[in-house]
Amino acid sequence: MTVFTTKQTAAEIRKHLRATWPGVKFSVRCDRGTASSWIRVSWTDGPTDQQVRHETHQFQGAQFNGMTDSYDDLGEALVCTNPAELPEVRRYYCDGINTSRDISDPAVVAAAQTIAAENPDIRAAFSIEDIDPAALTYNRLHRDLSTIRLDENRWIKYHGQPVTGRHLPDLGSVISAAVHCTDYTGDTPTVADRH
């Protein structure tokens, strides 16, 4: 059995993410202090948070249990790193992996323009409120678009599908939900599977 410290696990995660999404720059860091056995993964645009969590979960060696206020050991993992060789048993000493995806301003602009193109009433709302979708930024998204309130029973199209989320009261929330479900790893952005 091969044992991986938290630092070695971070290196394995970095290598795996680079192989899975070669065009995306990931930052993989070990936390400090009492969270020293946790790893932080961050990136801009690229795959969705859900896609990265799916790929990194296999490197977790323990999981927090709120009922007992302690960590449950997840045991060893059988890992195949080379298809020509037999898999090996690995033990990762990593209590958890936090992921954090940043959204670039060009991604916000592209989502806003796509939503405006697919929803004529939204395009009209941009015009009435004198808001230029090409000038939107992620940091100002909710402030600039909070005045454009939406009927809770109405759905907004984005790449031909409805934008989904827990609570989408205004256009800023809709655009934010749209960029967070978009996979930017290909030549053209696509809506990732949300299930």
C-alpha atoms as a PDB file:
ATOM      1  CA  MET A   1       0.000   0.000   0.000  1.00  0.00           C
ATOM      2  CA  THR A   2       1.247   3.468  -0.923  1.00  0.00           C
ATOM      3  CA  VAL A   3       0.585   6.210   1.632  1.00  0.00           C
ATOM      4  CA  PHE A   4       0.177   9.845   0.507  1.00  0.00           C
ATOM      5  CA  THR A   5       0.577  12.768   2.906  1.00  0.00           C
ATOM      6  CA  THR A   6      -1.693  15.771   2.419  1.00  0.00           C
ATOM      7  CA  LYS A   7       1.037  17.540   0.454  1.00  0.00           C
ATOM      8  CA  GLN A   8       1.584  14.486  -1.774  1.00  0.00           C
ATOM      9  CA  THR A   9      -2.189  14.160  -2.213  1.00  0.00           C
ATOM     10  CA  ALA A  10      -2.312  17.800  -3.366  1.00  0.00           C
ATOM     11  CA  ALA A  11       0.366  16.996  -5.965  1.00  0.00           C
ATOM     12  CA  GLU A  12      -1.666  13.994  -7.155  1.00  0.00           C
ATOM     13  CA  ILE A  13      -4.805  16.125  -7.426  1.00  0.00           C
ATOM     14  CA  ARG A  14      -2.921  18.777  -9.410  1.00  0.00           C
ATOM     15  CA  LYS A  15      -1.573  16.128 -11.795  1.00  0.00           C
ATOM     16  CA  HIS A  16      -5.034  14.556 -12.212  1.00  0.00           C
ATOM     17  CA  LEU A  17      -6.752  17.910 -12.888  1.00  0.00           C
ATOM     18  CA  ARG A  18      -4.107  18.901 -15.449  1.00  0.00           C
ATOM     19  CA  ALA A  19      -4.609  15.605 -17.267  1.00  0.00           C
ATOM     20  CA  THR A  20      -8.407  15.932 -17.153  1.00  0.00           C
ATOM     21  CA  TRP A  21      -8.558  19.613 -18.231  1.00  0.00           C
ATOM     22  CA  PRO A  22      -5.196  20.483 -19.837  1.00  0.00           C
ATOM     23  CA  GLY A  23      -6.142  24.052 -20.790  1.00  0.00           C
ATOM     24  CA  VAL A  24      -7.234  25.137 -17.300  1.00  0.00           C
ATOM     25  CA  LYS A  25      -4.855  26.494 -14.664  1.00  0.00           C
ATOM     26  CA  PHE A  26      -5.674  25.078 -11.228  1.00  0.00           C
ATOM     27  CA  SER A  27      -4.273  26.227  -7.911  1.00  0.00           C
ATOM     28  CA  VAL A  28      -4.043  23.292  -5.488  1.00  0.00           C
ATOM     29  CA  ARG A  29      -2.886  24.246  -1.992  1.00  0.00           C
ATOM     30  CA  CYS A  30      -2.727  22.619   1.427  1.00  0.00           C
ATOM     31  CA  ASP A  31      -4.471  24.603   4.149  1.00  0.00           C
ATOM     32  CA  ARG A  32      -2.628  25.656   7.301  1.00  0.00           C
ATOM     33  CA  GLY A  33      -3.096  25.367  11.050  1.00  0.00           C
ATOM     34  CA  THR A  34      -5.974  23.249  12.303  1.00  0.00           C
ATOM     35  CA  ALA A  35      -7.090  22.678   8.696  1.00  0.00           C
ATOM     36  CA  SER A  36      -3.655  21.416   7.608  1.00  0.00           C
ATOM     37  CA  SER A  37      -5.096  18.145   6.325  1.00  0.00           C
ATOM     38  CA  TRP A  38      -7.503  19.974   4.015  1.00  0.00           C
ATOM     39  CA  ILE A  39      -6.776  20.954   0.410  1.00  0.00           C
ATOM     40  CA  ARG A  40      -8.044  24.002  -1.498  1.00  0.00           C
ATOM     41  CA  VAL A  41      -8.560  23.846  -5.276  1.00  0.00           C
ATOM     42  CA  SER A  42      -9.303  27.054  -7.186  1.00  0.00           C
ATOM     43  CA  TRP A  43      -9.522  28.038 -10.856  1.00  0.00           C
ATOM     44  CA  THR A  44     -11.114  30.586 -13.189  1.00  0.00           C
ATOM     45  CA  ASP A  45     -13.900  29.671 -15.648  1.00  0.00           C
ATOM     46  CA  GLY A  46     -13.027  26.167 -16.927  1.00  0.00           C
ATOM     47  CA  PRO A  47     -15.143  23.232 -15.686  1.00  0.00           C
ATOM     48  CA  THR A  48     -18.018  23.653 -13.257  1.00  0.00           C
ATOM     49  CA  ASP A  49     -17.582  23.290  -9.522  1.00  0.00           C
ATOM     50  CA  GLN A  50     -19.620  20.075  -9.609  1.00  0.00           C
ATOM     51  CA  GLN A  51     -17.336  18.566 -12.281  1.00  0.00           C
ATOM     52  CA  VAL A  52     -14.191  19.342 -10.258  1.00  0.00           C
ATOM     53  CA  ARG A  53     -15.709  18.002  -7.026  1.00  0.00           C
ATOM     54  CA  HIS A  54     -16.562  14.779  -8.858  1.00  0.00           C
ATOM     55  CA  GLU A  55     -12.933  14.395  -9.994  1.00  0.00           C
ATOM     56  CA  THR A  56     -11.308  15.328  -6.658  1.00  0.00           C
ATOM     57  CA  HIS A  57     -13.542  13.367  -4.277  1.00  0.00           C
ATOM     58  CA  GLN A  58     -11.552  10.181  -4.920  1.00  0.00           C
ATOM     59  CA  PHE A  59      -8.515  11.759  -3.209  1.00  0.00           C
ATOM     60  CA  GLN A  60     -10.271  12.299   0.109  1.00  0.00           C
ATOM     61  CA  GLY A  61      -9.179   9.977   2.903  1.00  0.00           C
ATOM     62  CA  ALA A  62     -11.711  11.077   5.514  1.00  0.00           C
ATOM     63  CA  GLN A  63     -15.054  12.831   5.672  1.00  0.00           C
ATOM     64  CA  PHE A  64     -16.503  15.022   8.394  1.00  0.00           C
ATOM     65  CA  ASN A  65     -19.447  13.508  10.273  1.00  0.00           C
ATOM     66  CA  GLY A  66     -21.632  16.197  11.858  1.00  0.00           C
ATOM     67  CA  MET A  67     -23.517  13.673  13.979  1.00  0.00           C
ATOM     68  CA  THR A  68     -20.394  12.650  15.898  1.00  0.00           C
ATOM     69  CA  ASP A  69     -18.438  15.886  15.350  1.00  0.00           C
ATOM     70  CA  SER A  70     -15.502  13.852  14.068  1.00  0.00           C
ATOM     71  CA  TYR A  71     -14.027  12.478  10.863  1.00  0.00           C
ATOM     72  CA  ASP A  72     -14.923   9.088   9.419  1.00  0.00           C
ATOM     73  CA  ASP A  73     -12.059   7.240   7.769  1.00  0.00           C
ATOM     74  CA  LEU A  74     -12.835   6.401   4.135  1.00  0.00           C
ATOM     75  CA  GLY A  75     -10.162   3.699   3.996  1.00  0.00           C
ATOM     76  CA  GLU A  76      -7.873   2.748   1.171  1.00  0.00           C
ATOM     77  CA  ALA A  77      -8.557   3.259  -2.524  1.00  0.00           C
ATOM     78  CA  LEU A  78      -7.770   0.919  -5.384  1.00  0.00           C
ATOM     79  CA  VAL A  79      -6.233   3.162  -8.051  1.00  0.00           C
ATOM     80  CA  CYS A  80      -5.247   2.353 -11.622  1.00  0.00           C
ATOM     81  CA  THR A  81      -2.721   4.947 -12.842  1.00  0.00           C
ATOM     82  CA  ASN A  82      -1.502   2.987 -15.854  1.00  0.00           C
ATOM     83  CA  PRO A  83      -3.879   0.775 -17.883  1.00  0.00           C
ATOM     84  CA  ALA A  84      -0.991  -1.571 -18.699  1.00  0.00           C
ATOM     85  CA  GLU A  85      -0.332  -2.305 -15.006  1.00  0.00           C
ATOM     86  CA  LEU A  86      -2.345  -3.704 -12.125  1.00  0.00           C
ATOM     87  CA  PRO A  87      -4.065  -1.180  -9.854  1.00  0.00           C
ATOM     88  CA  GLU A  88      -2.413  -0.304  -6.563  1.00  0.00           C
ATOM     89  CA  VAL A  89      -3.864   0.280  -3.109  1.00  0.00           C
ATOM     90  CA  ARG A  90      -3.452   3.881  -1.958  1.00  0.00           C
ATOM     91  CA  ARG A  91      -4.214   5.711   1.259  1.00  0.00           C
ATOM     92  CA  TYR A  92      -4.729   9.463   1.067  1.00  0.00           C
ATOM     93  CA  TYR A  93      -4.314  11.544   4.216  1.00  0.00           C
ATOM     94  CA  CYS A  94      -6.655  14.357   3.280  1.00  0.00           C
ATOM     95  CA  ASP A  95      -9.682  15.191   5.437  1.00  0.00           C
ATOM     96  CA  GLY A  96     -11.445  17.279   2.823  1.00  0.00           C
ATOM     97  CA  ILE A  97     -11.172  19.235  -0.406  1.00  0.00           C
ATOM     98  CA  ASN A  98     -12.650  22.712  -0.803  1.00  0.00           C
ATOM     99  CA  THR A  99     -13.243  23.939  -4.340  1.00  0.00           C
ATOM    100  CA  SER A 100     -13.575  27.543  -5.436  1.00  0.00           C
ATOM    101  CA  ARG A 101     -14.339  28.611  -8.995  1.00  0.00           C
ATOM    102  CA  ASP A 102     -13.871  32.232 -10.037  1.00  0.00           C
ATOM    103  CA  ILE A 103     -15.839  33.629 -12.948  1.00  0.00           C
ATOM    104  CA  SER A 104     -14.158  36.051 -15.353  1.00  0.00           C
ATOM    105  CA  ASP A 105     -15.858  39.184 -16.629  1.00  0.00           C
ATOM    106  CA  PRO A 106     -15.782  37.940 -20.272  1.00  0.00           C
ATOM    107  CA  ALA A 107     -17.741  34.849 -19.145  1.00  0.00           C
ATOM    108  CA  VAL A 108     -20.364  37.104 -17.519  1.00  0.00           C
ATOM    109  CA  VAL A 109     -20.619  39.199 -20.682  1.00  0.00           C
ATOM    110  CA  ALA A 110     -20.987  36.107 -22.886  1.00  0.00           C
ATOM    111  CA  ALA A 111     -23.744  34.695 -20.634  1.00  0.00           C
ATOM    112  CA  ALA A 112     -25.600  38.034 -20.525  1.00  0.00           C
ATOM    113  CA  GLN A 113     -25.408  38.381 -24.312  1.00  0.00           C
ATOM    114  CA  THR A 114     -26.605  34.783 -24.827  1.00  0.00           C
ATOM    115  CA  ILE A 115     -29.536  35.301 -22.460  1.00  0.00           C
ATOM    116  CA  ALA A 116     -30.441  38.593 -24.175  1.00  0.00           C
ATOM    117  CA  ALA A 117     -30.277  36.938 -27.613  1.00  0.00           C
ATOM    118  CA  GLU A 118     -32.497  33.999 -26.582  1.00  0.00           C
ATOM    119  CA  ASN A 119     -35.033  36.045 -24.575  1.00  0.00           C
ATOM    120  CA  PRO A 120     -36.393  39.117 -26.451  1.00  0.00           C
ATOM    121  CA  ASP A 121     -38.047  40.546 -23.311  1.00  0.00           C
ATOM    122  CA  ILE A 122     -34.704  40.443 -21.463  1.00  0.00           C
ATOM    123  CA  ARG A 123     -33.044  42.206 -24.392  1.00  0.00           C
ATOM    124  CA  ALA A 124     -35.765  44.872 -24.132  1.00  0.00           C
ATOM    125  CA  ALA A 125     -35.205  45.166 -20.362  1.00  0.00           C
ATOM    126  CA  PHE A 126     -31.493  45.840 -20.933  1.00  0.00           C
ATOM    127  CA  SER A 127     -32.485  48.581 -23.353  1.00  0.00           C
ATOM    128  CA  ILE A 128     -35.148  50.115 -21.072  1.00  0.00           C
ATOM    129  CA  GLU A 129     -32.799  50.137 -18.053  1.00  0.00           C
ATOM    130  CA  ASP A 130     -29.959  51.458 -20.264  1.00  0.00           C
ATOM    131  CA  ILE A 131     -27.651  48.581 -19.287  1.00  0.00           C
ATOM    132  CA  ASP A 132     -24.995  47.436 -21.738  1.00  0.00           C
ATOM    133  CA  PRO A 133     -24.506  43.647 -21.375  1.00  0.00           C
ATOM    134  CA  ALA A 134     -20.960  44.038 -22.751  1.00  0.00           C
ATOM    135  CA  ALA A 135     -20.045  46.241 -19.771  1.00  0.00           C
ATOM    136  CA  LEU A 136     -21.168  43.854 -17.025  1.00  0.00           C
ATOM    137  CA  THR A 137     -18.681  42.473 -14.501  1.00  0.00           C
ATOM    138  CA  TYR A 138     -19.143  39.627 -12.034  1.00  0.00           C
ATOM    139  CA  ASN A 139     -18.576  41.903  -9.026  1.00  0.00           C
ATOM    140  CA  ARG A 140     -21.287  44.354 -10.126  1.00  0.00           C
ATOM    141  CA  LEU A 141     -23.720  41.792 -11.516  1.00  0.00           C
ATOM    142  CA  HIS A 142     -26.272  41.825  -8.685  1.00  0.00           C
ATOM    143  CA  ARG A 143     -26.084  45.552  -8.060  1.00  0.00           C
ATOM    144  CA  ASP A 144     -26.500  46.537 -11.718  1.00  0.00           C
ATOM    145  CA  LEU A 145     -29.269  44.039 -12.492  1.00  0.00           C
ATOM    146  CA  SER A 146     -31.211  43.876  -9.216  1.00  0.00           C
ATOM    147  CA  THR A 147     -33.716  46.370 -10.624  1.00  0.00           C
ATOM    148  CA  ILE A 148     -34.780  43.900 -13.320  1.00  0.00           C
ATOM    149  CA  ARG A 149     -37.086  41.716 -11.230  1.00  0.00           C
ATOM    150  CA  LEU A 150     -38.416  38.459 -12.657  1.00  0.00           C
ATOM    151  CA  ASP A 151     -41.698  36.638 -12.220  1.00  0.00           C
ATOM    152  CA  GLU A 152     -40.935  33.519 -10.167  1.00  0.00           C
ATOM    153  CA  ASN A 153     -43.033  31.348 -12.504  1.00  0.00           C
ATOM    154  CA  ARG A 154     -41.143  32.425 -15.619  1.00  0.00           C
ATOM    155  CA  TRP A 155     -38.076  30.632 -16.901  1.00  0.00           C
ATOM    156  CA  ILE A 156     -35.212  32.187 -18.838  1.00  0.00           C
ATOM    157  CA  LYS A 157     -33.593  30.323 -21.736  1.00  0.00           C
ATOM    158  CA  TYR A 158     -29.822  29.876 -21.787  1.00  0.00           C
ATOM    159  CA  HIS A 159     -28.318  27.745 -24.559  1.00  0.00           C
ATOM    160  CA  GLY A 160     -31.829  26.468 -25.215  1.00  0.00           C
ATOM    161  CA  GLN A 161     -32.405  25.264 -21.648  1.00  0.00           C
ATOM    162  CA  PRO A 162     -34.063  26.922 -18.672  1.00  0.00           C
ATOM    163  CA  VAL A 163     -31.756  28.475 -16.094  1.00  0.00           C
ATOM    164  CA  THR A 164     -32.335  26.704 -12.794  1.00  0.00           C
ATOM    165  CA  GLY A 165     -31.512  27.687  -9.250  1.00  0.00           C
ATOM    166  CA  ARG A 166     -32.985  27.880  -5.770  1.00  0.00           C
ATOM    167  CA  HIS A 167     -34.086  31.517  -5.855  1.00  0.00           C
ATOM    168  CA  LEU A 168     -33.765  33.668  -8.967  1.00  0.00           C
ATOM    169  CA  PRO A 169     -35.607  36.921  -8.163  1.00  0.00           C
ATOM    170  CA  ASP A 170     -33.713  39.178 -10.570  1.00  0.00           C
ATOM    171  CA  LEU A 171     -31.679  39.101 -13.747  1.00  0.00           C
ATOM    172  CA  GLY A 172     -28.360  39.287 -11.860  1.00  0.00           C
ATOM    173  CA  SER A 173     -29.200  36.035 -10.065  1.00  0.00           C
ATOM    174  CA  VAL A 174     -30.166  34.390 -13.365  1.00  0.00           C
ATOM    175  CA  ILE A 175     -26.905  35.360 -15.101  1.00  0.00           C
ATOM    176  CA  SER A 176     -24.916  34.228 -12.054  1.00  0.00           C
ATOM    177  CA  ALA A 177     -26.709  30.837 -12.095  1.00  0.00           C
ATOM    178  CA  ALA A 178     -26.061  30.572 -15.849  1.00  0.00           C
ATOM    179  CA  VAL A 179     -22.294  31.124 -15.603  1.00  0.00           C
ATOM    180  CA  HIS A 180     -21.993  28.717 -12.685  1.00  0.00           C
ATOM    181  CA  CYS A 181     -23.565  25.867 -14.669  1.00  0.00           C
ATOM    182  CA  THR A 182     -21.468  26.566 -17.786  1.00  0.00           C
ATOM    183  CA  ASP A 183     -18.450  24.469 -18.736  1.00  0.00           C
ATOM    184  CA  TYR A 184     -15.830  26.709 -20.363  1.00  0.00           C
ATOM    185  CA  THR A 185     -13.297  23.981 -21.165  1.00  0.00           C
ATOM    186  CA  GLY A 186     -14.243  23.514 -24.826  1.00  0.00           C
ATOM    187  CA  ASP A 187     -14.083  25.861 -27.788  1.00  0.00           C
ATOM    188  CA  THR A 188     -17.662  26.956 -27.096  1.00  0.00           C
ATOM    189  CA  PRO A 189     -19.236  27.185 -23.648  1.00  0.00           C
ATOM    190  CA  THR A 190     -21.775  24.474 -22.879  1.00  0.00           C
ATOM    191  CA  VAL A 191     -24.268  23.958 -20.095  1.00  0.00           C
ATOM    192  CA  ALA A 192     -22.975  21.121 -17.942  1.00  0.00           C
ATOM    193  CA  ASP A 193     -25.214  18.396 -16.635  1.00  0.00           C
ATOM    194  CA  ARG A 194     -26.788  19.798 -13.453  1.00  0.00           C
ATOM    195  CA  HIS A 195     -27.937  16.489 -11.986  1.00  0.00           C
END
